[in-house]
PDB file of N, CA and C in Angstrom:
ATOM      1  N   MET A   1     101.495  96.404 127.349  1.00  0.00           N
ATOM      2  CA  MET A   1     102.093  97.651 127.063  1.00  0.00           C
ATOM      3  C   MET A   1     102.061  98.546 128.342  1.00  0.00           C
ATOM      4  N   LEU A   2     100.964  98.512 129.070  1.00  0.00           N
ATOM      5  CA  LEU A   2     100.824  99.352 130.247  1.00  0.00           C
ATOM      6  C   LEU A   2     101.860  98.930 131.342  1.00  0.00           C
ATOM      7  N   GLY A   3     102.121  97.607 131.419  1.00  0.00           N
ATOM      8  CA  GLY A   3     103.108  97.140 132.352  1.00  0.00           C
ATOM      9  C   GLY A   3     104.532  97.613 132.102  1.00  0.00           C
ATOM     10  N   ASP A   4     104.803  97.853 130.775  1.00  0.00           N
ATOM     11  CA  ASP A   4     106.109  98.318 130.425  1.00  0.00           C
ATOM     12  C   ASP A   4     106.314  99.754 130.892  1.00  0.00           C
ATOM     13  N   ALA A   5     105.283 100.578 130.822  1.00  0.00           N
ATOM     14  CA  ALA A   5     105.374 101.960 131.322  1.00  0.00           C
ATOM     15  C   ALA A   5     105.492 101.980 132.834  1.00  0.00           C
ATOM     16  N   TYR A   6     104.748 101.011 133.469  1.00  0.00           N
ATOM     17  CA  TYR A   6     104.893 100.921 134.938  1.00  0.00           C
ATOM     18  C   TYR A   6     106.264 100.582 135.433  1.00  0.00           C
ATOM     19  N   ILE A   7     106.905  99.649 134.715  1.00  0.00           N
ATOM     20  CA  ILE A   7     108.276  99.281 135.022  1.00  0.00           C
ATOM     21  C   ILE A   7     109.212 100.437 134.911  1.00  0.00           C
ATOM     22  N   LEU A   8     109.072 101.179 133.814  1.00  0.00           N
ATOM     23  CA  LEU A   8     109.974 102.349 133.546  1.00  0.00           C
ATOM     24  C   LEU A   8     109.741 103.364 134.587  1.00  0.00           C
ATOM     25  N   PHE A   9     108.542 103.701 135.018  1.00  0.00           N
ATOM     26  CA  PHE A   9     108.343 104.677 136.044  1.00  0.00           C
ATOM     27  C   PHE A   9     108.746 104.209 137.416  1.00  0.00           C
ATOM     28  N   GLN A  10     108.740 102.831 137.648  1.00  0.00           N
ATOM     29  CA  GLN A  10     109.150 102.333 138.856  1.00  0.00           C
ATOM     30  C   GLN A  10     110.721 102.468 138.959  1.00  0.00           C
ATOM     31  N   ILE A  11     111.399 102.134 137.867  1.00  0.00           N
ATOM     32  CA  ILE A  11     112.897 102.276 137.869  1.00  0.00           C
ATOM     33  C   ILE A  11     113.255 103.732 137.983  1.00  0.00           C
ATOM     34  N   ALA A  12     112.548 104.633 137.274  1.00  0.00           N
ATOM     35  CA  ALA A  12     112.828 106.066 137.372  1.00  0.00           C
ATOM     36  C   ALA A  12     112.581 106.584 138.787  1.00  0.00           C
ATOM     37  N   GLY A  13     111.548 106.167 139.428  1.00  0.00           N
ATOM     38  CA  GLY A  13     111.254 106.596 140.777  1.00  0.00           C
ATOM     39  C   GLY A  13     112.310 106.100 141.755  1.00  0.00           C
ATOM     40  N   ILE A  14     112.754 104.859 141.582  1.00  0.00           N
ATOM     41  CA  ILE A  14     113.800 104.386 142.463  1.00  0.00           C
ATOM     42  C   ILE A  14     115.062 105.226 142.251  1.00  0.00           C
ATOM     43  N   GLY A  15     115.403 105.505 140.989  1.00  0.00           N
ATOM     44  CA  GLY A  15     116.598 106.323 140.702  1.00  0.00           C
ATOM     45  C   GLY A  15     116.459 107.723 141.313  1.00  0.00           C
ATOM     46  N   ILE A  16     115.305 108.364 141.232  1.00  0.00           N
ATOM     47  CA  ILE A  16     115.129 109.685 141.811  1.00  0.00           C
ATOM     48  C   ILE A  16     115.293 109.676 143.307  1.00  0.00           C
ATOM     49  N   VAL A  17     114.687 108.658 144.001  1.00  0.00           N
ATOM     50  CA  VAL A  17     114.791 108.564 145.451  1.00  0.00           C
ATOM     51  C   VAL A  17     116.232 108.277 145.893  1.00  0.00           C
ATOM     52  N   ILE A  18     116.901 107.403 145.181  1.00  0.00           N
ATOM     53  CA  ILE A  18     118.312 107.083 145.551  1.00  0.00           C
ATOM     54  C   ILE A  18     119.170 108.284 145.301  1.00  0.00           C
ATOM     55  N   ALA A  19     118.921 109.011 144.244  1.00  0.00           N
ATOM     56  CA  ALA A  19     119.695 110.218 144.005  1.00  0.00           C
ATOM     57  C   ALA A  19     119.510 111.218 145.078  1.00  0.00           C
ATOM     58  N   MET A  20     118.275 111.400 145.556  1.00  0.00           N
ATOM     59  CA  MET A  20     118.046 112.366 146.695  1.00  0.00           C
ATOM     60  C   MET A  20     118.701 111.880 147.961  1.00  0.00           C
ATOM     61  N   ILE A  21     118.611 110.568 148.242  1.00  0.00           N
ATOM     62  CA  ILE A  21     119.278 110.090 149.440  1.00  0.00           C
ATOM     63  C   ILE A  21     120.785 110.231 149.410  1.00  0.00           C
ATOM     64  N   HIS A  22     121.368 109.993 148.172  1.00  0.00           N
ATOM     65  CA  HIS A  22     122.783 110.135 147.954  1.00  0.00           C
ATOM     66  C   HIS A  22     123.175 111.559 148.214  1.00  0.00           C
ATOM     67  N   THR A  23     122.368 112.519 147.666  1.00  0.00           N
ATOM     68  CA  THR A  23     122.715 113.933 147.815  1.00  0.00           C
ATOM     69  C   THR A  23     122.686 114.335 149.312  1.00  0.00           C
ATOM     70  N   VAL A  24     121.616 113.942 149.984  1.00  0.00           N
ATOM     71  CA  VAL A  24     121.494 114.314 151.366  1.00  0.00           C
ATOM     72  C   VAL A  24     122.627 113.719 152.219  1.00  0.00           C
ATOM     73  N   LEU A  25     122.925 112.507 152.020  1.00  0.00           N
ATOM     74  CA  LEU A  25     124.020 111.861 152.798  1.00  0.00           C
ATOM     75  C   LEU A  25     125.352 112.515 152.480  1.00  0.00           C
ATOM     76  N   LYS A  26     125.606 112.840 151.188  1.00  0.00           N
ATOM     77  CA  LYS A  26     126.832 113.464 150.829  1.00  0.00           C
ATOM     78  C   LYS A  26     126.950 114.873 151.452  1.00  0.00           C
ATOM     79  N   GLN A  27     125.880 115.617 151.552  1.00  0.00           N
ATOM     80  CA  GLN A  27     125.835 116.910 152.182  1.00  0.00           C
ATOM     81  C   GLN A  27     126.131 116.817 153.633  1.00  0.00           C
ATOM     82  N   MET A  28     125.734 115.709 154.264  1.00  0.00           N
ATOM     83  CA  MET A  28     125.991 115.474 155.677  1.00  0.00           C
ATOM     84  C   MET A  28     127.330 115.016 155.992  1.00  0.00           C
ATOM     85  N   GLY A  29     128.162 114.706 154.915  1.00  0.00           N
ATOM     86  CA  GLY A  29     129.507 114.253 155.110  1.00  0.00           C
ATOM     87  C   GLY A  29     129.682 112.758 155.204  1.00  0.00           C
ATOM     88  N   LYS A  30     128.626 112.048 154.934  1.00  0.00           N
ATOM     89  CA  LYS A  30     128.638 110.610 155.044  1.00  0.00           C
ATOM     90  C   LYS A  30     128.728 109.978 153.637  1.00  0.00           C
ATOM     91  N   GLU A  31     129.823 110.272 152.941  1.00  0.00           N
ATOM     92  CA  GLU A  31     129.945 109.800 151.534  1.00  0.00           C
ATOM     93  C   GLU A  31     130.039 108.280 151.403  1.00  0.00           C
ATOM     94  N   ASP A  32     130.609 107.609 152.355  1.00  0.00           N
ATOM     95  CA  ASP A  32     130.653 106.139 152.234  1.00  0.00           C
ATOM     96  C   ASP A  32     129.283 105.548 152.328  1.00  0.00           C
ATOM     97  N   ILE A  33     128.418 106.062 153.189  1.00  0.00           N
ATOM     98  CA  ILE A  33     127.030 105.541 153.287  1.00  0.00           C
ATOM     99  C   ILE A  33     126.268 105.923 152.042  1.00  0.00           C
ATOM    100  N   ALA A  34     126.558 107.116 151.525  1.00  0.00           N
ATOM    101  CA  ALA A  34     125.895 107.514 150.284  1.00  0.00           C
ATOM    102  C   ALA A  34     126.250 106.583 149.100  1.00  0.00           C
ATOM    103  N   HIS A  35     127.467 106.160 149.023  1.00  0.00           N
ATOM    104  CA  HIS A  35     127.855 105.227 147.957  1.00  0.00           C
ATOM    105  C   HIS A  35     127.202 103.853 148.204  1.00  0.00           C
ATOM    106  N   TRP A  36     127.060 103.402 149.474  1.00  0.00           N
ATOM    107  CA  TRP A  36     126.357 102.171 149.712  1.00  0.00           C
ATOM    108  C   TRP A  36     124.867 102.255 149.312  1.00  0.00           C
ATOM    109  N   ALA A  37     124.325 103.365 149.636  1.00  0.00           N
ATOM    110  CA  ALA A  37     122.883 103.535 149.261  1.00  0.00           C
ATOM    111  C   ALA A  37     122.708 103.554 147.729  1.00  0.00           C
ATOM    112  N   THR A  38     123.638 104.093 147.042  1.00  0.00           N
ATOM    113  CA  THR A  38     123.563 104.068 145.559  1.00  0.00           C
ATOM    114  C   THR A  38     123.723 102.641 145.062  1.00  0.00           C
ATOM    115  N   LEU A  39     124.600 101.876 145.672  1.00  0.00           N
ATOM    116  CA  LEU A  39     124.817 100.490 145.282  1.00  0.00           C
ATOM    117  C   LEU A  39     123.601  99.692 145.562  1.00  0.00           C
ATOM    118  N   VAL A  40     122.983  99.870 146.725  1.00  0.00           N
ATOM    119  CA  VAL A  40     121.715  99.116 146.990  1.00  0.00           C
ATOM    120  C   VAL A  40     120.649  99.417 146.034  1.00  0.00           C
ATOM    121  N   GLY A  41     120.530 100.728 145.686  1.00  0.00           N
ATOM    122  CA  GLY A  41     119.535 101.154 144.611  1.00  0.00           C
ATOM    123  C   GLY A  41     119.830 100.449 143.280  1.00  0.00           C
ATOM    124  N   PHE A  42     121.113 100.425 142.922  1.00  0.00           N
ATOM    125  CA  PHE A  42     121.444  99.753 141.637  1.00  0.00           C
ATOM    126  C   PHE A  42     121.091  98.277 141.659  1.00  0.00           C
ATOM    127  N   ILE A  43     121.362  97.624 142.781  1.00  0.00           N
ATOM    128  CA  ILE A  43     121.061  96.195 142.895  1.00  0.00           C
ATOM    129  C   ILE A  43     119.538  95.943 142.854  1.00  0.00           C
ATOM    130  N   ILE A  44     118.771  96.789 143.461  1.00  0.00           N
ATOM    131  CA  ILE A  44     117.290  96.632 143.406  1.00  0.00           C
ATOM    132  C   ILE A  44     116.834  96.795 141.918  1.00  0.00           C
ATOM    133  N   VAL A  45     117.323  97.791 141.232  1.00  0.00           N
ATOM    134  CA  VAL A  45     116.928  97.950 139.850  1.00  0.00           C
ATOM    135  C   VAL A  45     117.376  96.752 139.007  1.00  0.00           C
ATOM    136  N   LEU A  46     118.602  96.298 139.344  1.00  0.00           N
ATOM    137  CA  LEU A  46     119.094  95.124 138.572  1.00  0.00           C
ATOM    138  C   LEU A  46     118.229  93.951 138.747  1.00  0.00           C
ATOM    139  N   PHE A  47     117.722  93.696 139.986  1.00  0.00           N
ATOM    140  CA  PHE A  47     116.850  92.524 140.176  1.00  0.00           C
ATOM    141  C   PHE A  47     115.477  92.789 139.423  1.00  0.00           C
ATOM    142  N   ILE A  48     115.004  94.000 139.429  1.00  0.00           N
ATOM    143  CA  ILE A  48     113.778  94.276 138.624  1.00  0.00           C
ATOM    144  C   ILE A  48     113.969  93.954 137.143  1.00  0.00           C
ATOM    145  N   VAL A  49     115.110  94.382 136.607  1.00  0.00           N
ATOM    146  CA  VAL A  49     115.417  94.161 135.191  1.00  0.00           C
ATOM    147  C   VAL A  49     115.620  92.701 134.907  1.00  0.00           C
ATOM    148  N   MET A  50     116.326  91.992 135.785  1.00  0.00           N
ATOM    149  CA  MET A  50     116.546  90.529 135.595  1.00  0.00           C
ATOM    150  C   MET A  50     115.261  89.780 135.604  1.00  0.00           C
ATOM    151  N   ASP A  51     114.308  90.153 136.506  1.00  0.00           N
ATOM    152  CA  ASP A  51     112.965  89.501 136.571  1.00  0.00           C
ATOM    153  C   ASP A  51     112.230  89.693 135.289  1.00  0.00           C
ATOM    154  N   ASN A  52     112.215  90.915 134.834  1.00  0.00           N
ATOM    155  CA  ASN A  52     111.498  91.188 133.528  1.00  0.00           C
ATOM    156  C   ASN A  52     112.163  90.551 132.354  1.00  0.00           C
ATOM    157  N   LEU A  53     113.458  90.461 132.325  1.00  0.00           N
ATOM    158  CA  LEU A  53     114.185  89.793 131.289  1.00  0.00           C
ATOM    159  C   LEU A  53     113.840  88.269 131.278  1.00  0.00           C
ATOM    160  N   ALA A  54     113.733  87.675 132.480  1.00  0.00           N
ATOM    161  CA  ALA A  54     113.309  86.292 132.508  1.00  0.00           C
ATOM    162  C   ALA A  54     111.900  86.112 131.899  1.00  0.00           C
ATOM    163  N   ASP A  55     111.007  87.056 132.200  1.00  0.00           N
ATOM    164  CA  ASP A  55     109.637  87.015 131.624  1.00  0.00           C
ATOM    165  C   ASP A  55     109.712  87.132 130.078  1.00  0.00           C
ATOM    166  N   LEU A  56     110.610  88.007 129.657  1.00  0.00           N
ATOM    167  CA  LEU A  56     110.718  88.218 128.169  1.00  0.00           C
ATOM    168  C   LEU A  56     111.213  86.874 127.501  1.00  0.00           C
ATOM    169  N   PHE A  57     112.211  86.209 128.091  1.00  0.00           N
ATOM    170  CA  PHE A  57     112.676  84.982 127.524  1.00  0.00           C
ATOM    171  C   PHE A  57     111.632  83.875 127.544  1.00  0.00           C
ATOM    172  N   GLN A  58     110.812  83.903 128.600  1.00  0.00           N
ATOM    173  CA  GLN A  58     109.717  82.928 128.664  1.00  0.00           C
ATOM    174  C   GLN A  58     108.741  83.162 127.553  1.00  0.00           C
ATOM    175  N   GLN A  59     108.412  84.442 127.300  1.00  0.00           N
ATOM    176  CA  GLN A  59     107.479  84.761 126.252  1.00  0.00           C
ATOM    177  C   GLN A  59     108.024  84.390 124.864  1.00  0.00           C
ATOM    178  N   ILE A  60     109.381  84.615 124.674  1.00  0.00           N
ATOM    179  CA  ILE A  60     110.007  84.258 123.406  1.00  0.00           C
ATOM    180  C   ILE A  60     109.919  82.716 123.250  1.00  0.00           C
ATOM    181  N   LYS A  61     110.167  82.010 124.310  1.00  0.00           N
ATOM    182  CA  LYS A  61     110.127  80.536 124.263  1.00  0.00           C
ATOM    183  C   LYS A  61     108.742  80.080 123.891  1.00  0.00           C
ATOM    184  N   SER A  62     107.644  80.735 124.393  1.00  0.00           N
ATOM    185  CA  SER A  62     106.321  80.318 124.130  1.00  0.00           C
ATOM    186  C   SER A  62     105.909  80.718 122.673  1.00  0.00           C
ATOM    187  N   VAL A  63     106.423  81.778 122.188  1.00  0.00           N
ATOM    188  CA  VAL A  63     106.145  82.154 120.760  1.00  0.00           C
ATOM    189  C   VAL A  63     106.708  81.199 119.843  1.00  0.00           C
ATOM    190  N   PHE A  64     107.952  80.815 120.051  1.00  0.00           N
ATOM    191  CA  PHE A  64     108.628  79.839 119.117  1.00  0.00           C
ATOM    192  C   PHE A  64     108.403  78.382 119.540  1.00  0.00           C
ATOM    193  N   LEU A  65     107.577  78.073 120.508  1.00  0.00           N
ATOM    194  CA  LEU A  65     107.285  76.748 120.941  1.00  0.00           C
ATOM    195  C   LEU A  65     108.451  75.946 121.295  1.00  0.00           C
ATOM    196  N   PHE A  66     109.348  76.442 122.058  1.00  0.00           N
ATOM    197  CA  PHE A  66     110.565  75.736 122.502  1.00  0.00           C
ATOM    198  C   PHE A  66     110.327  75.167 123.911  1.00  0.00           C
ATOM    199  N   GLN A  67     109.086  74.826 124.232  1.00  0.00           N
ATOM    200  CA  GLN A  67     108.739  74.374 125.566  1.00  0.00           C
ATOM    201  C   GLN A  67     109.352  72.970 125.765  1.00  0.00           C
TER     202      GLN A  67
END
């Protein structure tokens, strides 16, 4: 249960940092780099979610003994 909260805070932290980077770069007139930074942040979060989804499926397999 504690790990779930950690994952949520980690994703939220990444989102906040990426939003700040995007805002700063956009204010500097570098919108293309700002969009790339947002895309990189999205990909990082996507890998975190995919990793945890794989763990979830592994736990489901172990519960139903589909090993």
